[in-house]
Amino acid sequence: MEPFEKILVLNNQFEASHMKDILTAKGIPHGIVSSADSVFGGVNRIEFGWGYLEAPPQYRDEIIKIYDEVEKE
């Protein structure tokens, strides 16, 4: 398995789900990590956003391009 790194911060679950669908369809390996933490009662989301998308570093530019296009919609 290739090493993953944090590529971008996601603002909400809808954004996460949409990116997941697109990247899966394109065959780009990725992971979605929520910053929800029941211990802190969601305080992490204020500082770190809803969560983040991680993937192998060689996909960084392609993922960011896709994300920018999604943001324009």
PDB file of N, CA and C in Angstrom:
ATOM      1  N   MET A   1       0.835  -1.189   0.000  1.00  0.00           N
ATOM      2  CA  MET A   1       0.000   0.000   0.000  1.00  0.00           C
ATOM      3  C   MET A   1       0.876   1.247   0.000  1.00  0.00           C
ATOM      4  N   GLU A   2       0.511   2.194  -0.814  1.00  0.00           N
ATOM      5  CA  GLU A   2       1.261   3.434  -0.913  1.00  0.00           C
ATOM      6  C   GLU A   2       1.026   4.297   0.327  1.00  0.00           C
ATOM      7  N   PRO A   3       2.040   5.083   0.727  1.00  0.00           N
ATOM      8  CA  PRO A   3       1.814   5.991   1.863  1.00  0.00           C
ATOM      9  C   PRO A   3       0.866   7.124   1.463  1.00  0.00           C
ATOM     10  N   PHE A   4      -0.018   7.479   2.365  1.00  0.00           N
ATOM     11  CA  PHE A   4      -0.964   8.571   2.139  1.00  0.00           C
ATOM     12  C   PHE A   4      -0.494   9.802   2.898  1.00  0.00           C
ATOM     13  N   GLU A   5      -0.850  10.980   2.384  1.00  0.00           N
ATOM     14  CA  GLU A   5      -0.596  12.219   3.105  1.00  0.00           C
ATOM     15  C   GLU A   5      -1.833  13.100   2.985  1.00  0.00           C
ATOM     16  N   LYS A   6      -1.948  14.046   3.895  1.00  0.00           N
ATOM     17  CA  LYS A   6      -3.079  14.965   3.888  1.00  0.00           C
ATOM     18  C   LYS A   6      -2.981  15.849   2.646  1.00  0.00           C
ATOM     19  N   ILE A   7      -4.051  15.869   1.852  1.00  0.00           N
ATOM     20  CA  ILE A   7      -4.061  16.638   0.610  1.00  0.00           C
ATOM     21  C   ILE A   7      -4.843  17.939   0.785  1.00  0.00           C
ATOM     22  N   LEU A   8      -6.048  17.856   1.358  1.00  0.00           N
ATOM     23  CA  LEU A   8      -6.836  19.077   1.553  1.00  0.00           C
ATOM     24  C   LEU A   8      -7.858  18.906   2.663  1.00  0.00           C
ATOM     25  N   VAL A   9      -8.289  20.037   3.211  1.00  0.00           N
ATOM     26  CA  VAL A   9      -9.286  20.064   4.284  1.00  0.00           C
ATOM     27  C   VAL A   9     -10.668  20.115   3.652  1.00  0.00           C
ATOM     28  N   LEU A  10     -11.581  19.324   4.197  1.00  0.00           N
ATOM     29  CA  LEU A  10     -12.964  19.282   3.723  1.00  0.00           C
ATOM     30  C   LEU A  10     -13.854  20.061   4.688  1.00  0.00           C
ATOM     31  N   ASN A  11     -14.837  20.773   4.138  1.00  0.00           N
ATOM     32  CA  ASN A  11     -15.683  21.646   4.948  1.00  0.00           C
ATOM     33  C   ASN A  11     -16.902  20.972   5.555  1.00  0.00           C
ATOM     34  N   ASN A  12     -17.391  19.902   4.905  1.00  0.00           N
ATOM     35  CA  ASN A  12     -18.593  19.248   5.413  1.00  0.00           C
ATOM     36  C   ASN A  12     -18.719  17.843   4.825  1.00  0.00           C
ATOM     37  N   GLN A  13     -19.708  17.109   5.303  1.00  0.00           N
ATOM     38  CA  GLN A  13     -19.898  15.725   4.883  1.00  0.00           C
ATOM     39  C   GLN A  13     -20.322  15.629   3.419  1.00  0.00           C
ATOM     40  N   PHE A  14     -21.103  16.598   2.929  1.00  0.00           N
ATOM     41  CA  PHE A  14     -21.518  16.597   1.526  1.00  0.00           C
ATOM     42  C   PHE A  14     -20.294  16.701   0.613  1.00  0.00           C
ATOM     43  N   GLU A  15     -19.416  17.624   0.935  1.00  0.00           N
ATOM     44  CA  GLU A  15     -18.189  17.809   0.159  1.00  0.00           C
ATOM     45  C   GLU A  15     -17.355  16.527   0.175  1.00  0.00           C
ATOM     46  N   ALA A  16     -17.250  15.909   1.337  1.00  0.00           N
ATOM     47  CA  ALA A  16     -16.495  14.664   1.478  1.00  0.00           C
ATOM     48  C   ALA A  16     -17.090  13.554   0.616  1.00  0.00           C
ATOM     49  N   SER A  17     -18.399  13.418   0.670  1.00  0.00           N
ATOM     50  CA  SER A  17     -19.081  12.380  -0.095  1.00  0.00           C
ATOM     51  C   SER A  17     -18.924  12.606  -1.601  1.00  0.00           C
ATOM     52  N   HIS A  18     -19.052  13.847  -2.024  1.00  0.00           N
ATOM     53  CA  HIS A  18     -18.927  14.182  -3.449  1.00  0.00           C
ATOM     54  C   HIS A  18     -17.513  13.887  -3.962  1.00  0.00           C
ATOM     55  N   MET A  19     -16.510  14.290  -3.187  1.00  0.00           N
ATOM     56  CA  MET A  19     -15.122  14.021  -3.590  1.00  0.00           C
ATOM     57  C   MET A  19     -14.851  12.517  -3.609  1.00  0.00           C
ATOM     58  N   LYS A  20     -15.379  11.810  -2.635  1.00  0.00           N
ATOM     59  CA  LYS A  20     -15.203  10.356  -2.582  1.00  0.00           C
ATOM     60  C   LYS A  20     -15.764   9.704  -3.839  1.00  0.00           C
ATOM     61  N   ASP A  21     -16.966  10.103  -4.241  1.00  0.00           N
ATOM     62  CA  ASP A  21     -17.592   9.537  -5.436  1.00  0.00           C
ATOM     63  C   ASP A  21     -16.753   9.802  -6.687  1.00  0.00           C
ATOM     64  N   ILE A  22     -16.282  11.027  -6.840  1.00  0.00           N
ATOM     65  CA  ILE A  22     -15.493  11.392  -8.020  1.00  0.00           C
ATOM     66  C   ILE A  22     -14.171  10.637  -8.050  1.00  0.00           C
ATOM     67  N   LEU A  23     -13.464  10.633  -6.935  1.00  0.00           N
ATOM     68  CA  LEU A  23     -12.144   9.975  -6.900  1.00  0.00           C
ATOM     69  C   LEU A  23     -12.260   8.464  -7.075  1.00  0.00           C
ATOM     70  N   THR A  24     -13.302   7.876  -6.516  1.00  0.00           N
ATOM     71  CA  THR A  24     -13.531   6.439  -6.692  1.00  0.00           C
ATOM     72  C   THR A  24     -13.795   6.128  -8.167  1.00  0.00           C
ATOM     73  N   ALA A  25     -14.626   6.944  -8.798  1.00  0.00           N
ATOM     74  CA  ALA A  25     -14.943   6.738 -10.218  1.00  0.00           C
ATOM     75  C   ALA A  25     -13.692   6.861 -11.096  1.00  0.00           C
ATOM     76  N   LYS A  26     -12.762   7.718 -10.698  1.00  0.00           N
ATOM     77  CA  LYS A  26     -11.529   7.917 -11.475  1.00  0.00           C
ATOM     78  C   LYS A  26     -10.423   6.928 -11.089  1.00  0.00           C
ATOM     79  N   GLY A  27     -10.689   6.100 -10.077  1.00  0.00           N
ATOM     80  CA  GLY A  27      -9.702   5.109  -9.656  1.00  0.00           C
ATOM     81  C   GLY A  27      -8.534   5.695  -8.892  1.00  0.00           C
ATOM     82  N   ILE A  28      -8.744   6.842  -8.262  1.00  0.00           N
ATOM     83  CA  ILE A  28      -7.687   7.488  -7.484  1.00  0.00           C
ATOM     84  C   ILE A  28      -7.772   7.012  -6.040  1.00  0.00           C
ATOM     85  N   PRO A  29      -6.713   6.386  -5.526  1.00  0.00           N
ATOM     86  CA  PRO A  29      -6.742   5.922  -4.139  1.00  0.00           C
ATOM     87  C   PRO A  29      -6.813   7.115  -3.187  1.00  0.00           C
ATOM     88  N   HIS A  30      -7.631   7.003  -2.154  1.00  0.00           N
ATOM     89  CA  HIS A  30      -7.818   8.110  -1.227  1.00  0.00           C
ATOM     90  C   HIS A  30      -8.456   7.618   0.064  1.00  0.00           C
ATOM     91  N   GLY A  31      -8.468   8.482   1.045  1.00  0.00           N
ATOM     92  CA  GLY A  31      -9.160   8.237   2.298  1.00  0.00           C
ATOM     93  C   GLY A  31      -9.774   9.533   2.777  1.00  0.00           C
ATOM     94  N   ILE A  32     -10.897   9.420   3.442  1.00  0.00           N
ATOM     95  CA  ILE A  32     -11.574  10.574   4.033  1.00  0.00           C
ATOM     96  C   ILE A  32     -11.505  10.387   5.549  1.00  0.00           C
ATOM     97  N   VAL A  33     -10.982  11.394   6.238  1.00  0.00           N
ATOM     98  CA  VAL A  33     -10.832  11.314   7.686  1.00  0.00           C
ATOM     99  C   VAL A  33     -11.615  12.452   8.328  1.00  0.00           C
ATOM    100  N   SER A  34     -12.592  12.105   9.158  1.00  0.00           N
ATOM    101  CA  SER A  34     -13.396  13.105   9.857  1.00  0.00           C
ATOM    102  C   SER A  34     -12.649  13.595  11.090  1.00  0.00           C
ATOM    103  N   SER A  35     -12.767  14.872  11.382  1.00  0.00           N
ATOM    104  CA  SER A  35     -12.113  15.406  12.582  1.00  0.00           C
ATOM    105  C   SER A  35     -13.037  15.345  13.797  1.00  0.00           C
ATOM    106  N   ALA A  36     -14.179  14.676  13.649  1.00  0.00           N
ATOM    107  CA  ALA A  36     -15.104  14.526  14.778  1.00  0.00           C
ATOM    108  C   ALA A  36     -14.424  13.751  15.888  1.00  0.00           C
ATOM    109  N   ASP A  37     -14.572  14.229  17.077  1.00  0.00           N
ATOM    110  CA  ASP A  37     -13.978  13.569  18.228  1.00  0.00           C
ATOM    111  C   ASP A  37     -14.928  13.744  19.404  1.00  0.00           C
ATOM    112  N   SER A  38     -15.557  12.664  19.804  1.00  0.00           N
ATOM    113  CA  SER A  38     -16.555  12.752  20.869  1.00  0.00           C
ATOM    114  C   SER A  38     -15.958  13.235  22.189  1.00  0.00           C
ATOM    115  N   VAL A  39     -14.677  13.029  22.409  1.00  0.00           N
ATOM    116  CA  VAL A  39     -14.041  13.467  23.649  1.00  0.00           C
ATOM    117  C   VAL A  39     -14.084  14.990  23.774  1.00  0.00           C
ATOM    118  N   PHE A  40     -13.882  15.681  22.641  1.00  0.00           N
ATOM    119  CA  PHE A  40     -13.851  17.139  22.661  1.00  0.00           C
ATOM    120  C   PHE A  40     -15.167  17.764  22.214  1.00  0.00           C
ATOM    121  N   GLY A  41     -16.185  16.956  21.961  1.00  0.00           N
ATOM    122  CA  GLY A  41     -17.506  17.461  21.609  1.00  0.00           C
ATOM    123  C   GLY A  41     -17.559  18.253  20.315  1.00  0.00           C
ATOM    124  N   GLY A  42     -16.714  17.899  19.349  1.00  0.00           N
ATOM    125  CA  GLY A  42     -16.744  18.573  18.050  1.00  0.00           C
ATOM    126  C   GLY A  42     -15.939  19.860  17.985  1.00  0.00           C
ATOM    127  N   VAL A  43     -15.226  20.221  19.051  1.00  0.00           N
ATOM    128  CA  VAL A  43     -14.428  21.450  19.056  1.00  0.00           C
ATOM    129  C   VAL A  43     -13.369  21.406  17.957  1.00  0.00           C
ATOM    130  N   ASN A  44     -12.854  20.232  17.637  1.00  0.00           N
ATOM    131  CA  ASN A  44     -11.835  20.099  16.587  1.00  0.00           C
ATOM    132  C   ASN A  44     -12.328  20.624  15.247  1.00  0.00           C
ATOM    133  N   ARG A  45     -13.616  20.491  14.971  1.00  0.00           N
ATOM    134  CA  ARG A  45     -14.157  20.927  13.686  1.00  0.00           C
ATOM    135  C   ARG A  45     -14.040  22.434  13.510  1.00  0.00           C
ATOM    136  N   ILE A  46     -14.123  23.169  14.585  1.00  0.00           N
ATOM    137  CA  ILE A  46     -13.994  24.621  14.498  1.00  0.00           C
ATOM    138  C   ILE A  46     -12.590  24.983  14.024  1.00  0.00           C
ATOM    139  N   GLU A  47     -11.610  24.303  14.557  1.00  0.00           N
ATOM    140  CA  GLU A  47     -10.214  24.616  14.229  1.00  0.00           C
ATOM    141  C   GLU A  47      -9.729  23.927  12.956  1.00  0.00           C
ATOM    142  N   PHE A  48     -10.161  22.691  12.714  1.00  0.00           N
ATOM    143  CA  PHE A  48      -9.600  21.886  11.628  1.00  0.00           C
ATOM    144  C   PHE A  48     -10.564  21.584  10.489  1.00  0.00           C
ATOM    145  N   GLY A  49     -11.771  22.129  10.495  1.00  0.00           N
ATOM    146  CA  GLY A  49     -12.742  21.816   9.457  1.00  0.00           C
ATOM    147  C   GLY A  49     -13.434  20.497   9.745  1.00  0.00           C
ATOM    148  N   TRP A  50     -14.287  20.071   8.821  1.00  0.00           N
ATOM    149  CA  TRP A  50     -15.034  18.826   9.007  1.00  0.00           C
ATOM    150  C   TRP A  50     -14.098  17.626   9.048  1.00  0.00           C
ATOM    151  N   GLY A  51     -13.087  17.659   8.217  1.00  0.00           N
ATOM    152  CA  GLY A  51     -12.140  16.555   8.115  1.00  0.00           C
ATOM    153  C   GLY A  51     -11.166  16.828   6.985  1.00  0.00           C
ATOM    154  N   TYR A  52     -10.527  15.789   6.517  1.00  0.00           N
ATOM    155  CA  TYR A  52      -9.579  15.979   5.422  1.00  0.00           C
ATOM    156  C   TYR A  52      -9.543  14.772   4.502  1.00  0.00           C
ATOM    157  N   LEU A  53      -9.005  15.015   3.332  1.00  0.00           N
ATOM    158  CA  LEU A  53      -8.840  13.974   2.330  1.00  0.00           C
ATOM    159  C   LEU A  53      -7.356  13.648   2.258  1.00  0.00           C
ATOM    160  N   GLU A  54      -7.039  12.369   2.273  1.00  0.00           N
ATOM    161  CA  GLU A  54      -5.652  11.946   2.152  1.00  0.00           C
ATOM    162  C   GLU A  54      -5.509  11.015   0.960  1.00  0.00           C
ATOM    163  N   ALA A  55      -4.306  11.010   0.377  1.00  0.00           N
ATOM    164  CA  ALA A  55      -4.040  10.199  -0.807  1.00  0.00           C
ATOM    165  C   ALA A  55      -2.527  10.125  -1.004  1.00  0.00           C
ATOM    166  N   PRO A  56      -2.072   9.241  -1.899  1.00  0.00           N
ATOM    167  CA  PRO A  56      -0.650   9.215  -2.220  1.00  0.00           C
ATOM    168  C   PRO A  56      -0.230  10.567  -2.815  1.00  0.00           C
ATOM    169  N   PRO A  57       0.952  11.038  -2.486  1.00  0.00           N
ATOM    170  CA  PRO A  57       1.381  12.375  -2.916  1.00  0.00           C
ATOM    171  C   PRO A  57       1.381  12.606  -4.424  1.00  0.00           C
ATOM    172  N   GLN A  58       1.563  11.568  -5.214  1.00  0.00           N
ATOM    173  CA  GLN A  58       1.603  11.768  -6.670  1.00  0.00           C
ATOM    174  C   GLN A  58       0.251  12.168  -7.252  1.00  0.00           C
ATOM    175  N   TYR A  59      -0.836  12.042  -6.470  1.00  0.00           N
ATOM    176  CA  TYR A  59      -2.170  12.426  -6.931  1.00  0.00           C
ATOM    177  C   TYR A  59      -2.572  13.826  -6.461  1.00  0.00           C
ATOM    178  N   ARG A  60      -1.711  14.487  -5.695  1.00  0.00           N
ATOM    179  CA  ARG A  60      -2.026  15.789  -5.099  1.00  0.00           C
ATOM    180  C   ARG A  60      -2.561  16.796  -6.120  1.00  0.00           C
ATOM    181  N   ASP A  61      -1.821  17.049  -7.177  1.00  0.00           N
ATOM    182  CA  ASP A  61      -2.220  18.067  -8.151  1.00  0.00           C
ATOM    183  C   ASP A  61      -3.555  17.733  -8.807  1.00  0.00           C
ATOM    184  N   GLU A  62      -3.749  16.474  -9.160  1.00  0.00           N
ATOM    185  CA  GLU A  62      -4.995  16.063  -9.802  1.00  0.00           C
ATOM    186  C   GLU A  62      -6.188  16.228  -8.853  1.00  0.00           C
ATOM    187  N   ILE A  63      -6.003  15.858  -7.596  1.00  0.00           N
ATOM    188  CA  ILE A  63      -7.078  15.978  -6.607  1.00  0.00           C
ATOM    189  C   ILE A  63      -7.423  17.440  -6.362  1.00  0.00           C
ATOM    190  N   ILE A  64      -6.429  18.280  -6.232  1.00  0.00           N
ATOM    191  CA  ILE A  64      -6.679  19.700  -6.007  1.00  0.00           C
ATOM    192  C   ILE A  64      -7.402  20.313  -7.206  1.00  0.00           C
ATOM    193  N   LYS A  65      -7.022  19.912  -8.409  1.00  0.00           N
ATOM    194  CA  LYS A  65      -7.701  20.404  -9.610  1.00  0.00           C
ATOM    195  C   LYS A  65      -9.176  19.980  -9.596  1.00  0.00           C
ATOM    196  N   ILE A  66      -9.441  18.726  -9.257  1.00  0.00           N
ATOM    197  CA  ILE A  66     -10.814  18.229  -9.175  1.00  0.00           C
ATOM    198  C   ILE A  66     -11.592  19.012  -8.117  1.00  0.00           C
ATOM    199  N   TYR A  67     -10.979  19.209  -6.966  1.00  0.00           N
ATOM    200  CA  TYR A  67     -11.628  19.939  -5.863  1.00  0.00           C
ATOM    201  C   TYR A  67     -11.974  21.362  -6.291  1.00  0.00           C
ATOM    202  N   ASP A  68     -11.053  22.040  -6.950  1.00  0.00           N
ATOM    203  CA  ASP A  68     -11.300  23.403  -7.411  1.00  0.00           C
ATOM    204  C   ASP A  68     -12.481  23.446  -8.384  1.00  0.00           C
ATOM    205  N   GLU A  69     -12.567  22.454  -9.262  1.00  0.00           N
ATOM    206  CA  GLU A  69     -13.685  22.383 -10.209  1.00  0.00           C
ATOM    207  C   GLU A  69     -15.009  22.149  -9.488  1.00  0.00           C
ATOM    208  N   VAL A  70     -14.991  21.307  -8.471  1.00  0.00           N
ATOM    209  CA  VAL A  70     -16.193  21.032  -7.673  1.00  0.00           C
ATOM    210  C   VAL A  70     -16.634  22.296  -6.938  1.00  0.00           C
ATOM    211  N   GLU A  71     -15.692  23.051  -6.429  1.00  0.00           N
ATOM    212  CA  GLU A  71     -16.007  24.279  -5.694  1.00  0.00           C
ATOM    213  C   GLU A  71     -16.682  25.323  -6.598  1.00  0.00           C
ATOM    214  N   LYS A  72     -16.378  25.298  -7.873  1.00  0.00           N
ATOM    215  CA  LYS A  72     -16.959  26.258  -8.812  1.00  0.00           C
ATOM    216  C   LYS A  72     -18.421  25.937  -9.130  1.00  0.00           C
ATOM    217  N   GLU A  73     -18.823  24.680  -8.921  1.00  0.00           N
ATOM    218  CA  GLU A  73     -20.201  24.255  -9.249  1.00  0.00           C
ATOM    219  C   GLU A  73     -21.223  24.916  -8.357  1.00  0.00           C
TER     220      GLU A  73
END
